[in-house]
C-alpha atoms as a PDB file:
ATOM      1  CA  UNK A   1      -8.059  -7.230   3.292  1.00  0.00           C
ATOM      2  CA  UNK A   2      -7.511  -3.946   2.399  1.00  0.00           C
ATOM      3  CA  UNK A   3      -7.230  -3.195  -1.454  1.00  0.00           C
ATOM      4  CA  UNK A   4      -5.452  -0.471  -3.280  1.00  0.00           C
ATOM      5  CA  UNK A   5      -6.578   0.768  -6.967  1.00  0.00           C
ATOM      6  CA  UNK A   6      -4.636   3.162  -9.169  1.00  0.00           C
ATOM      7  CA  UNK A   7      -7.268   3.083 -11.909  1.00  0.00           C
ATOM      8  CA  UNK A   8     -10.951   1.727 -10.146  1.00  0.00           C
ATOM      9  CA  UNK A   9     -11.925   0.970  -6.998  1.00  0.00           C
ATOM     10  CA  UNK A  10     -12.597  -2.873  -5.735  1.00  0.00           C
ATOM     11  CA  UNK A  11     -15.152  -4.719  -7.459  1.00  0.00           C
ATOM     12  CA  UNK A  12     -18.465  -4.494  -6.000  1.00  0.00           C
ATOM     13  CA  UNK A  13     -18.366  -0.897  -5.603  1.00  0.00           C
ATOM     14  CA  UNK A  14     -17.878   0.680  -9.091  1.00  0.00           C
ATOM     15  CA  UNK A  15     -17.094   4.306  -9.254  1.00  0.00           C
ATOM     16  CA  UNK A  16     -18.211   6.259 -12.405  1.00  0.00           C
ATOM     17  CA  UNK A  17     -17.271   9.428 -13.837  1.00  0.00           C
ATOM     18  CA  UNK A  18     -20.211  12.382 -14.305  1.00  0.00           C
ATOM     19  CA  UNK A  19     -20.001  14.668 -17.206  1.00  0.00           C
ATOM     20  CA  UNK A  20     -22.742  16.660 -15.340  1.00  0.00           C
ATOM     21  CA  UNK A  21     -20.187  18.824 -13.283  1.00  0.00           C
ATOM     22  CA  UNK A  22     -19.879  22.653 -13.293  1.00  0.00           C
ATOM     23  CA  UNK A  23     -17.399  24.152 -15.294  1.00  0.00           C
ATOM     24  CA  UNK A  24     -14.078  25.225 -13.519  1.00  0.00           C
ATOM     25  CA  UNK A  25     -13.397  28.678 -12.482  1.00  0.00           C
ATOM     26  CA  UNK A  26     -10.325  30.236 -14.000  1.00  0.00           C
ATOM     27  CA  UNK A  27      -8.674  32.217 -11.179  1.00  0.00           C
ATOM     28  CA  UNK A  28      -6.152  34.970 -11.779  1.00  0.00           C
ATOM     29  CA  UNK A  29      -3.265  33.158 -10.203  1.00  0.00           C
ATOM     30  CA  UNK A  30       0.405  35.259 -10.290  1.00  0.00           C
ATOM     31  CA  UNK A  31       3.011  34.438 -12.747  1.00  0.00           C
ATOM     32  CA  UNK A  32       4.535  32.795  -9.772  1.00  0.00           C
ATOM     33  CA  UNK A  33       2.346  30.629  -8.783  1.00  0.00           C
ATOM     34  CA  UNK A  34       1.646  29.783 -12.544  1.00  0.00           C
ATOM     35  CA  UNK A  35       5.354  28.942 -12.645  1.00  0.00           C
ATOM     36  CA  UNK A  36       5.436  26.925  -9.799  1.00  0.00           C
ATOM     37  CA  UNK A  37       1.868  24.963 -10.901  1.00  0.00           C
ATOM     38  CA  UNK A  38       3.608  24.091 -14.095  1.00  0.00           C
ATOM     39  CA  UNK A  39       6.813  22.909 -12.491  1.00  0.00           C
ATOM     40  CA  UNK A  40       4.813  20.524 -10.115  1.00  0.00           C
ATOM     41  CA  UNK A  41       2.378  19.697 -13.120  1.00  0.00           C
ATOM     42  CA  UNK A  42       5.571  17.956 -14.795  1.00  0.00           C
ATOM     43  CA  UNK A  43       6.482  16.090 -11.868  1.00  0.00           C
ATOM     44  CA  UNK A  44       3.068  14.807 -11.176  1.00  0.00           C
ATOM     45  CA  UNK A  45       1.677  13.809 -14.571  1.00  0.00           C
ATOM     46  CA  UNK A  46       5.201  11.433 -14.741  1.00  0.00           C
ATOM     47  CA  UNK A  47       4.640  10.314 -11.332  1.00  0.00           C
ATOM     48  CA  UNK A  48       1.221   9.175 -12.718  1.00  0.00           C
ATOM     49  CA  UNK A  49       2.182   7.738 -15.841  1.00  0.00           C
ATOM     50  CA  UNK A  50       5.009   5.628 -14.292  1.00  0.00           C
ATOM     51  CA  UNK A  51       3.350   4.511 -11.593  1.00  0.00           C
ATOM     52  CA  UNK A  52       5.987   3.127  -9.836  1.00  0.00           C
ATOM     53  CA  UNK A  53       5.239   0.322  -7.021  1.00  0.00           C
ATOM     54  CA  UNK A  54       7.229  -2.225  -5.423  1.00  0.00           C
ATOM     55  CA  UNK A  55       5.414  -3.636  -2.624  1.00  0.00           C
ATOM     56  CA  UNK A  56       3.536  -2.809   0.274  1.00  0.00           C
ATOM     57  CA  UNK A  57       5.649  -0.987   2.709  1.00  0.00           C
ATOM     58  CA  UNK A  58       4.866  -1.027   6.562  1.00  0.00           C
ATOM     59  CA  UNK A  59       6.449   1.461   8.745  1.00  0.00           C
ATOM     60  CA  UNK A  60       8.933   0.199  11.975  1.00  0.00           C
ATOM     61  CA  UNK A  61       6.848   0.185  14.933  1.00  0.00           C
ATOM     62  CA  UNK A  62       8.542   2.826  17.690  1.00  0.00           C
ATOM     63  CA  UNK A  63       6.957   0.763  20.319  1.00  0.00           C
ATOM     64  CA  UNK A  64       6.512   3.035  22.935  1.00  0.00           C
ATOM     65  CA  UNK A  65       5.735   6.874  22.470  1.00  0.00           C
ATOM     66  CA  UNK A  66       8.326   9.079  24.145  1.00  0.00           C
ATOM     67  CA  UNK A  67       9.480  13.215  24.618  1.00  0.00           C
ATOM     68  CA  UNK A  68       5.535  13.828  25.769  1.00  0.00           C
ATOM     69  CA  UNK A  69       4.060  16.166  27.940  1.00  0.00           C
ATOM     70  CA  UNK A  70       2.079  14.233  30.980  1.00  0.00           C
ATOM     71  CA  UNK A  71      -1.157  15.734  29.521  1.00  0.00           C
ATOM     72  CA  UNK A  72      -0.453  14.068  26.353  1.00  0.00           C
ATOM     73  CA  UNK A  73       0.592  10.766  27.698  1.00  0.00           C
ATOM     74  CA  UNK A  74      -2.552  10.892  29.991  1.00  0.00           C
ATOM     75  CA  UNK A  75      -4.708  11.704  26.900  1.00  0.00           C
ATOM     76  CA  UNK A  76      -2.737   9.109  24.583  1.00  0.00           C
ATOM     77  CA  UNK A  77      -3.576   6.234  27.298  1.00  0.00           C
ATOM     78  CA  UNK A  78      -7.300   7.311  27.012  1.00  0.00           C
ATOM     79  CA  UNK A  79      -7.744   7.288  23.713  1.00  0.00           C
ATOM     80  CA  UNK A  80      -5.719   3.560  23.566  1.00  0.00           C
ATOM     81  CA  UNK A  81      -8.502   1.997  26.153  1.00  0.00           C
ATOM     82  CA  UNK A  82     -11.573   3.718  24.870  1.00  0.00           C
ATOM     83  CA  UNK A  83     -10.973   2.614  21.065  1.00  0.00           C
ATOM     84  CA  UNK A  84      -8.375  -0.204  21.634  1.00  0.00           C
ATOM     85  CA  UNK A  85      -5.870   1.964  19.431  1.00  0.00           C
ATOM     86  CA  UNK A  86      -2.293   0.689  19.349  1.00  0.00           C
ATOM     87  CA  UNK A  87      -0.611   3.108  16.965  1.00  0.00           C
ATOM     88  CA  UNK A  88       3.010   2.908  18.688  1.00  0.00           C
ATOM     89  CA  UNK A  89       3.127  -0.905  17.686  1.00  0.00           C
ATOM     90  CA  UNK A  90       2.316  -0.048  14.043  1.00  0.00           C
ATOM     91  CA  UNK A  91       3.919   2.882  13.219  1.00  0.00           C
ATOM     92  CA  UNK A  92       6.962   5.209  13.723  1.00  0.00           C
ATOM     93  CA  UNK A  93       6.855   7.755  16.316  1.00  0.00           C
ATOM     94  CA  UNK A  94       5.401  10.881  13.763  1.00  0.00           C
ATOM     95  CA  UNK A  95       2.549   8.642  12.711  1.00  0.00           C
ATOM     96  CA  UNK A  96       1.543   7.007  15.551  1.00  0.00           C
ATOM     97  CA  UNK A  97       1.455  10.504  17.199  1.00  0.00           C
ATOM     98  CA  UNK A  98      -0.397  11.845  14.382  1.00  0.00           C
ATOM     99  CA  UNK A  99      -2.876   9.127  14.265  1.00  0.00           C
ATOM    100  CA  UNK A 100      -3.708   9.591  18.238  1.00  0.00           C
ATOM    101  CA  UNK A 101      -4.266  13.503  17.259  1.00  0.00           C
ATOM    102  CA  UNK A 102      -6.851  12.542  14.594  1.00  0.00           C
ATOM    103  CA  UNK A 103      -8.787  10.177  16.971  1.00  0.00           C
ATOM    104  CA  UNK A 104      -8.406  12.746  19.588  1.00  0.00           C
ATOM    105  CA  UNK A 105     -10.178  15.355  17.121  1.00  0.00           C
ATOM    106  CA  UNK A 106     -12.953  13.002  16.278  1.00  0.00           C
ATOM    107  CA  UNK A 107     -13.704  11.967  19.919  1.00  0.00           C
ATOM    108  CA  UNK A 108     -13.583  15.465  21.346  1.00  0.00           C
ATOM    109  CA  UNK A 109     -15.636  17.171  18.550  1.00  0.00           C
ATOM    110  CA  UNK A 110     -18.368  14.279  18.629  1.00  0.00           C
ATOM    111  CA  UNK A 111     -18.726  14.650  22.420  1.00  0.00           C
ATOM    112  CA  UNK A 112     -18.709  18.246  22.625  1.00  0.00           C
ATOM    113  CA  UNK A 113     -21.594  18.273  20.003  1.00  0.00           C
ATOM    114  CA  UNK A 114     -23.412  15.594  21.826  1.00  0.00           C
ATOM    115  CA  UNK A 115     -23.678  13.618  18.455  1.00  0.00           C
ATOM    116  CA  UNK A 116     -24.373  10.131  18.118  1.00  0.00           C
ATOM    117  CA  UNK A 117     -21.224   8.473  15.858  1.00  0.00           C
ATOM    118  CA  UNK A 118     -22.596   7.264  12.857  1.00  0.00           C
ATOM    119  CA  UNK A 119     -21.177   3.697  13.138  1.00  0.00           C
ATOM    120  CA  UNK A 120     -21.756   0.870  10.646  1.00  0.00           C
ATOM    121  CA  UNK A 121     -21.827   2.521   7.245  1.00  0.00           C
ATOM    122  CA  UNK A 122     -20.167   3.488   4.241  1.00  0.00           C
ATOM    123  CA  UNK A 123     -17.147   5.788   5.054  1.00  0.00           C
ATOM    124  CA  UNK A 124     -15.384   7.861   2.299  1.00  0.00           C
ATOM    125  CA  UNK A 125     -12.192  10.097   2.935  1.00  0.00           C
ATOM    126  CA  UNK A 126     -11.740  12.824   0.601  1.00  0.00           C
ATOM    127  CA  UNK A 127      -7.856  13.914   0.079  1.00  0.00           C
ATOM    128  CA  UNK A 128      -6.498  11.115   2.041  1.00  0.00           C
ATOM    129  CA  UNK A 129      -2.818  11.192   0.915  1.00  0.00           C
ATOM    130  CA  UNK A 130      -1.146   7.993   1.520  1.00  0.00           C
ATOM    131  CA  UNK A 131      -4.333   7.066   4.099  1.00  0.00           C
ATOM    132  CA  UNK A 132      -1.983   7.098   7.055  1.00  0.00           C
ATOM    133  CA  UNK A 133      -4.652   7.594   9.387  1.00  0.00           C
ATOM    134  CA  UNK A 134      -7.148   4.820   8.160  1.00  0.00           C
ATOM    135  CA  UNK A 135      -6.939   2.881  11.382  1.00  0.00           C
ATOM    136  CA  UNK A 136      -8.005   5.796  13.108  1.00  0.00           C
ATOM    137  CA  UNK A 137     -11.436   6.479  10.946  1.00  0.00           C
ATOM    138  CA  UNK A 138     -11.888   2.503  10.851  1.00  0.00           C
ATOM    139  CA  UNK A 139     -11.781   2.510  14.707  1.00  0.00           C
ATOM    140  CA  UNK A 140     -14.192   5.921  15.309  1.00  0.00           C
ATOM    141  CA  UNK A 141     -16.572   4.563  12.560  1.00  0.00           C
ATOM    142  CA  UNK A 142     -16.563   1.053  12.820  1.00  0.00           C
ATOM    143  CA  UNK A 143     -17.687   1.310   9.150  1.00  0.00           C
ATOM    144  CA  UNK A 144     -18.815  -1.259   6.785  1.00  0.00           C
ATOM    145  CA  UNK A 145     -16.754  -0.226   4.008  1.00  0.00           C
ATOM    146  CA  UNK A 146     -14.159   2.377   4.169  1.00  0.00           C
ATOM    147  CA  UNK A 147     -12.727   3.926   1.167  1.00  0.00           C
ATOM    148  CA  UNK A 148      -9.862   6.767   0.964  1.00  0.00           C
ATOM    149  CA  UNK A 149      -9.787   8.812  -2.402  1.00  0.00           C
ATOM    150  CA  UNK A 150      -6.503  10.855  -3.605  1.00  0.00           C
ATOM    151  CA  UNK A 151      -5.756  12.363  -6.915  1.00  0.00           C
ATOM    152  CA  UNK A 152      -1.851  11.657  -6.268  1.00  0.00           C
ATOM    153  CA  UNK A 153      -1.206   8.107  -5.986  1.00  0.00           C
ATOM    154  CA  UNK A 154       2.454   7.401  -7.142  1.00  0.00           C
ATOM    155  CA  UNK A 155       4.443  10.368  -5.806  1.00  0.00           C
ATOM    156  CA  UNK A 156       8.047   8.414  -5.176  1.00  0.00           C
ATOM    157  CA  UNK A 157       9.575   9.107  -1.685  1.00  0.00           C
ATOM    158  CA  UNK A 158      12.921   8.991  -0.614  1.00  0.00           C
ATOM    159  CA  UNK A 159      12.719   5.249   0.416  1.00  0.00           C
ATOM    160  CA  UNK A 160      12.026   4.271  -2.824  1.00  0.00           C
ATOM    161  CA  UNK A 161       8.416   3.370  -2.047  1.00  0.00           C
ATOM    162  CA  UNK A 162       5.698   5.480  -3.627  1.00  0.00           C
ATOM    163  CA  UNK A 163       2.646   6.795  -1.877  1.00  0.00           C
ATOM    164  CA  UNK A 164       0.656   3.645  -3.349  1.00  0.00           C
ATOM    165  CA  UNK A 165       3.197   1.192  -1.479  1.00  0.00           C
ATOM    166  CA  UNK A 166       2.577   3.261   1.582  1.00  0.00           C
ATOM    167  CA  UNK A 167      -1.317   3.122   1.188  1.00  0.00           C
ATOM    168  CA  UNK A 168      -0.925  -0.648   0.735  1.00  0.00           C
ATOM    169  CA  UNK A 169       0.718  -0.871   4.025  1.00  0.00           C
ATOM    170  CA  UNK A 170      -1.446   0.983   5.800  1.00  0.00           C
ATOM    171  CA  UNK A 171      -4.823  -0.556   4.618  1.00  0.00           C
ATOM    172  CA  UNK A 172      -3.288  -4.134   4.254  1.00  0.00           C
ATOM    173  CA  UNK A 173      -5.141  -5.613   7.992  1.00  0.00           C
ATOM    174  CA  UNK A 174      -8.245  -3.536   7.353  1.00  0.00           C
ATOM    175  CA  UNK A 175     -11.344  -5.723   6.269  1.00  0.00           C
ATOM    176  CA  UNK A 176     -13.669  -3.770   3.305  1.00  0.00           C
ATOM    177  CA  UNK A 177     -11.038  -0.875   2.877  1.00  0.00           C
ATOM    178  CA  UNK A 178      -9.966   0.464  -0.183  1.00  0.00           C
ATOM    179  CA  UNK A 179      -7.511   3.331  -1.277  1.00  0.00           C
ATOM    180  CA  UNK A 180      -8.435   4.978  -4.708  1.00  0.00           C
ATOM    181  CA  UNK A 181      -6.233   7.025  -6.858  1.00  0.00           C
ATOM    182  CA  UNK A 182      -8.878   9.163  -8.831  1.00  0.00           C
ATOM    183  CA  UNK A 183     -10.054  12.793  -8.741  1.00  0.00           C
ATOM    184  CA  UNK A 184     -12.926  12.752  -6.135  1.00  0.00           C
ATOM    185  CA  UNK A 185     -14.980  15.449  -8.237  1.00  0.00           C
ATOM    186  CA  UNK A 186     -15.281  13.226 -10.660  1.00  0.00           C
ATOM    187  CA  UNK A 187     -16.510  10.278  -8.864  1.00  0.00           C
ATOM    188  CA  UNK A 188     -19.664   9.061  -8.506  1.00  0.00           C
ATOM    189  CA  UNK A 189     -20.574   6.715  -5.162  1.00  0.00           C
ATOM    190  CA  UNK A 190     -22.937   7.389  -2.245  1.00  0.00           C
ATOM    191  CA  UNK A 191     -21.775   7.246   1.108  1.00  0.00           C
ATOM    192  CA  UNK A 192     -23.447   7.812   4.536  1.00  0.00           C
ATOM    193  CA  UNK A 193     -20.453   9.478   5.860  1.00  0.00           C
ATOM    194  CA  UNK A 194     -17.762  11.716   4.084  1.00  0.00           C
ATOM    195  CA  UNK A 195     -15.021  13.101   5.896  1.00  0.00           C
ATOM    196  CA  UNK A 196     -12.270  15.660   4.758  1.00  0.00           C
ATOM    197  CA  UNK A 197      -9.112  16.546   6.990  1.00  0.00           C
ATOM    198  CA  UNK A 198      -7.733  20.024   6.084  1.00  0.00           C
ATOM    199  CA  UNK A 199      -8.791  20.011   2.460  1.00  0.00           C
ATOM    200  CA  UNK A 200      -7.506  22.455   0.134  1.00  0.00           C
ATOM    201  CA  UNK A 201      -9.865  25.518  -0.318  1.00  0.00           C
ATOM    202  CA  UNK A 202      -7.028  28.034  -1.410  1.00  0.00           C
ATOM    203  CA  UNK A 203      -4.088  27.930  -3.817  1.00  0.00           C
ATOM    204  CA  UNK A 204      -1.284  28.359  -1.585  1.00  0.00           C
ATOM    205  CA  UNK A 205      -1.365  25.025   0.295  1.00  0.00           C
ATOM    206  CA  UNK A 206      -2.175  23.151  -2.935  1.00  0.00           C
ATOM    207  CA  UNK A 207       1.523  24.446  -3.952  1.00  0.00           C
ATOM    208  CA  UNK A 208       3.308  23.951  -0.829  1.00  0.00           C
ATOM    209  CA  UNK A 209       2.148  20.073  -1.446  1.00  0.00           C
ATOM    210  CA  UNK A 210       3.696  19.934  -4.604  1.00  0.00           C
ATOM    211  CA  UNK A 211       0.312  19.815  -6.643  1.00  0.00           C
ATOM    212  CA  UNK A 212      -0.595  21.780  -9.993  1.00  0.00           C
ATOM    213  CA  UNK A 213      -3.195  24.288  -9.780  1.00  0.00           C
ATOM    214  CA  UNK A 214      -5.028  22.634 -12.021  1.00  0.00           C
ATOM    215  CA  UNK A 215      -6.104  20.055  -9.613  1.00  0.00           C
ATOM    216  CA  UNK A 216      -7.541  22.587  -7.389  1.00  0.00           C
ATOM    217  CA  UNK A 217     -11.192  23.194  -7.842  1.00  0.00           C
ATOM    218  CA  UNK A 218     -13.031  23.465  -4.771  1.00  0.00           C
ATOM    219  CA  UNK A 219     -16.224  24.381  -6.344  1.00  0.00           C
ATOM    220  CA  UNK A 220     -16.068  21.260  -8.049  1.00  0.00           C
ATOM    221  CA  UNK A 221     -15.036  19.234  -4.914  1.00  0.00           C
ATOM    222  CA  UNK A 222     -17.958  20.375  -2.609  1.00  0.00           C
ATOM    223  CA  UNK A 223     -20.657  20.118  -5.260  1.00  0.00           C
ATOM    224  CA  UNK A 224     -19.257  15.869  -5.631  1.00  0.00           C
ATOM    225  CA  UNK A 225     -19.592  15.859  -2.015  1.00  0.00           C
ATOM    226  CA  UNK A 226     -22.884  17.083  -1.707  1.00  0.00           C
ATOM    227  CA  UNK A 227     -24.249  14.939  -4.151  1.00  0.00           C
ATOM    228  CA  UNK A 228     -22.498  11.532  -2.972  1.00  0.00           C
ATOM    229  CA  UNK A 229     -23.763  12.363   0.632  1.00  0.00           C
ATOM    230  CA  UNK A 230     -26.516  10.176   1.243  1.00  0.00           C
ATOM    231  CA  UNK A 231     -30.019  10.959   2.837  1.00  0.00           C
ATOM    232  CA  UNK A 232     -29.121  11.707   6.443  1.00  0.00           C
ATOM    233  CA  UNK A 233     -25.614  11.426   6.141  1.00  0.00           C
ATOM    234  CA  UNK A 234     -23.123  13.559   7.475  1.00  0.00           C
ATOM    235  CA  UNK A 235     -20.084  15.104   5.783  1.00  0.00           C
ATOM    236  CA  UNK A 236     -17.561  16.081   8.724  1.00  0.00           C
ATOM    237  CA  UNK A 237     -14.820  18.378   7.908  1.00  0.00           C
ATOM    238  CA  UNK A 238     -11.390  19.655   9.596  1.00  0.00           C
ATOM    239  CA  UNK A 239      -9.782  23.048   8.884  1.00  0.00           C
ATOM    240  CA  UNK A 240      -6.682  24.654   9.744  1.00  0.00           C
ATOM    241  CA  UNK A 241      -8.083  27.625  11.586  1.00  0.00           C
ATOM    242  CA  UNK A 242     -11.276  29.811  11.212  1.00  0.00           C
ATOM    243  CA  UNK A 243     -10.230  31.738   8.857  1.00  0.00           C
ATOM    244  CA  UNK A 244      -9.870  28.652   6.400  1.00  0.00           C
ATOM    245  CA  UNK A 245     -12.780  26.955   7.754  1.00  0.00           C
ATOM    246  CA  UNK A 246     -14.916  30.367   6.745  1.00  0.00           C
ATOM    247  CA  UNK A 247     -13.525  29.896   3.502  1.00  0.00           C
ATOM    248  CA  UNK A 248     -14.541  26.199   2.910  1.00  0.00           C
ATOM    249  CA  UNK A 249     -18.184  26.897   4.571  1.00  0.00           C
ATOM    250  CA  UNK A 250     -18.781  29.120   1.839  1.00  0.00           C
ATOM    251  CA  UNK A 251     -18.030  26.487  -0.862  1.00  0.00           C
ATOM    252  CA  UNK A 252     -19.931  24.026   1.258  1.00  0.00           C
ATOM    253  CA  UNK A 253     -23.335  26.554   1.277  1.00  0.00           C
ATOM    254  CA  UNK A 254     -22.970  27.240  -2.130  1.00  0.00           C
ATOM    255  CA  UNK A 255     -22.865  23.408  -3.035  1.00  0.00           C
ATOM    256  CA  UNK A 256     -26.102  23.108  -1.339  1.00  0.00           C
ATOM    257  CA  UNK A 257     -24.994  21.583   2.129  1.00  0.00           C
ATOM    258  CA  UNK A 258     -26.109  22.610   5.424  1.00  0.00           C
ATOM    259  CA  UNK A 259     -24.262  23.451   8.700  1.00  0.00           C
ATOM    260  CA  UNK A 260     -25.316  21.531  11.723  1.00  0.00           C
ATOM    261  CA  UNK A 261     -22.190  22.913  13.960  1.00  0.00           C
ATOM    262  CA  UNK A 262     -18.864  23.900  14.585  1.00  0.00           C
ATOM    263  CA  UNK A 263     -16.212  23.161  17.373  1.00  0.00           C
ATOM    264  CA  UNK A 264     -12.886  24.683  17.664  1.00  0.00           C
ATOM    265  CA  UNK A 265     -10.037  22.395  19.652  1.00  0.00           C
ATOM    266  CA  UNK A 266      -8.837  24.503  22.671  1.00  0.00           C
ATOM    267  CA  UNK A 267      -5.453  22.305  22.703  1.00  0.00           C
ATOM    268  CA  UNK A 268      -4.414  19.934  19.783  1.00  0.00           C
ATOM    269  CA  UNK A 269      -2.727  16.982  20.832  1.00  0.00           C
ATOM    270  CA  UNK A 270      -0.211  17.297  18.588  1.00  0.00           C
ATOM    271  CA  UNK A 271       1.133  20.978  17.755  1.00  0.00           C
ATOM    272  CA  UNK A 272      -0.611  22.779  15.086  1.00  0.00           C
ATOM    273  CA  UNK A 273       0.099  26.378  13.312  1.00  0.00           C
ATOM    274  CA  UNK A 274      -3.611  26.964  13.775  1.00  0.00           C
ATOM    275  CA  UNK A 275      -6.368  25.112  16.021  1.00  0.00           C
ATOM    276  CA  UNK A 276      -8.406  22.380  13.750  1.00  0.00           C
ATOM    277  CA  UNK A 277     -11.647  23.669  13.507  1.00  0.00           C
ATOM    278  CA  UNK A 278     -14.233  20.881  12.679  1.00  0.00           C
ATOM    279  CA  UNK A 279     -17.662  21.360  11.257  1.00  0.00           C
ATOM    280  CA  UNK A 280     -20.719  18.635  10.337  1.00  0.00           C
ATOM    281  CA  UNK A 281     -22.793  19.055   7.243  1.00  0.00           C
ATOM    282  CA  UNK A 282     -25.715  17.506   5.684  1.00  0.00           C
ATOM    283  CA  UNK A 283     -27.112  17.682   2.378  1.00  0.00           C
END
């Protein structure tokens, strides 16, 4: 069964903090950015200190996706059959469609690159939020272990449940799957596959997600990814458009990662402001 952990991961797969990380840079943020960051920092620290949790939260299944274009319905039917996916029987409309959209990116990207899917290994997802797409990663990679890591675990939702409660519900029926509340740049644990969906590589999205800029350190993040990627492993990253992908790629190269391919999704299953850009990296 899936497990969640606010302080440390499941037993038998210990993570440890490292003191060998590079020192953070000191960006020149505007006064407005600093003010917003300070406000978000207060709420972030309060939520992490209180660690509010009720019980695992499960969405009310929509049962059937509606209001889709014929091409979307057709594509979802293909994904459902190929990966035994049944997201609409687990989640509400928004989460179900978002899972199919992520699965669509994985399926199309790997097929376009003609790369073999690295199944059966240790998979870590960086910046997983409440890990609402854990089932997608599990169906695609068929991992031996799956761990989602996010620095914020106890944000309170209007429903009265926390992010921690939501993650517990999303991974409840997945074996060898865990949700870890931690700063990934401080974690040491090798993985055969590391994934990152739309990681923060510029300050604006950090503030948009109501997080303090003290948590923004892409140099440390990508250096840790490079260190934790097992020999012969794959780092798979998805970015918002080519401009963001170029910024992220620069961080990857400076961390010692090597790009093995890039793919731009021509028609996202779920509308986005910028096309998803997928890339593969090795250490």
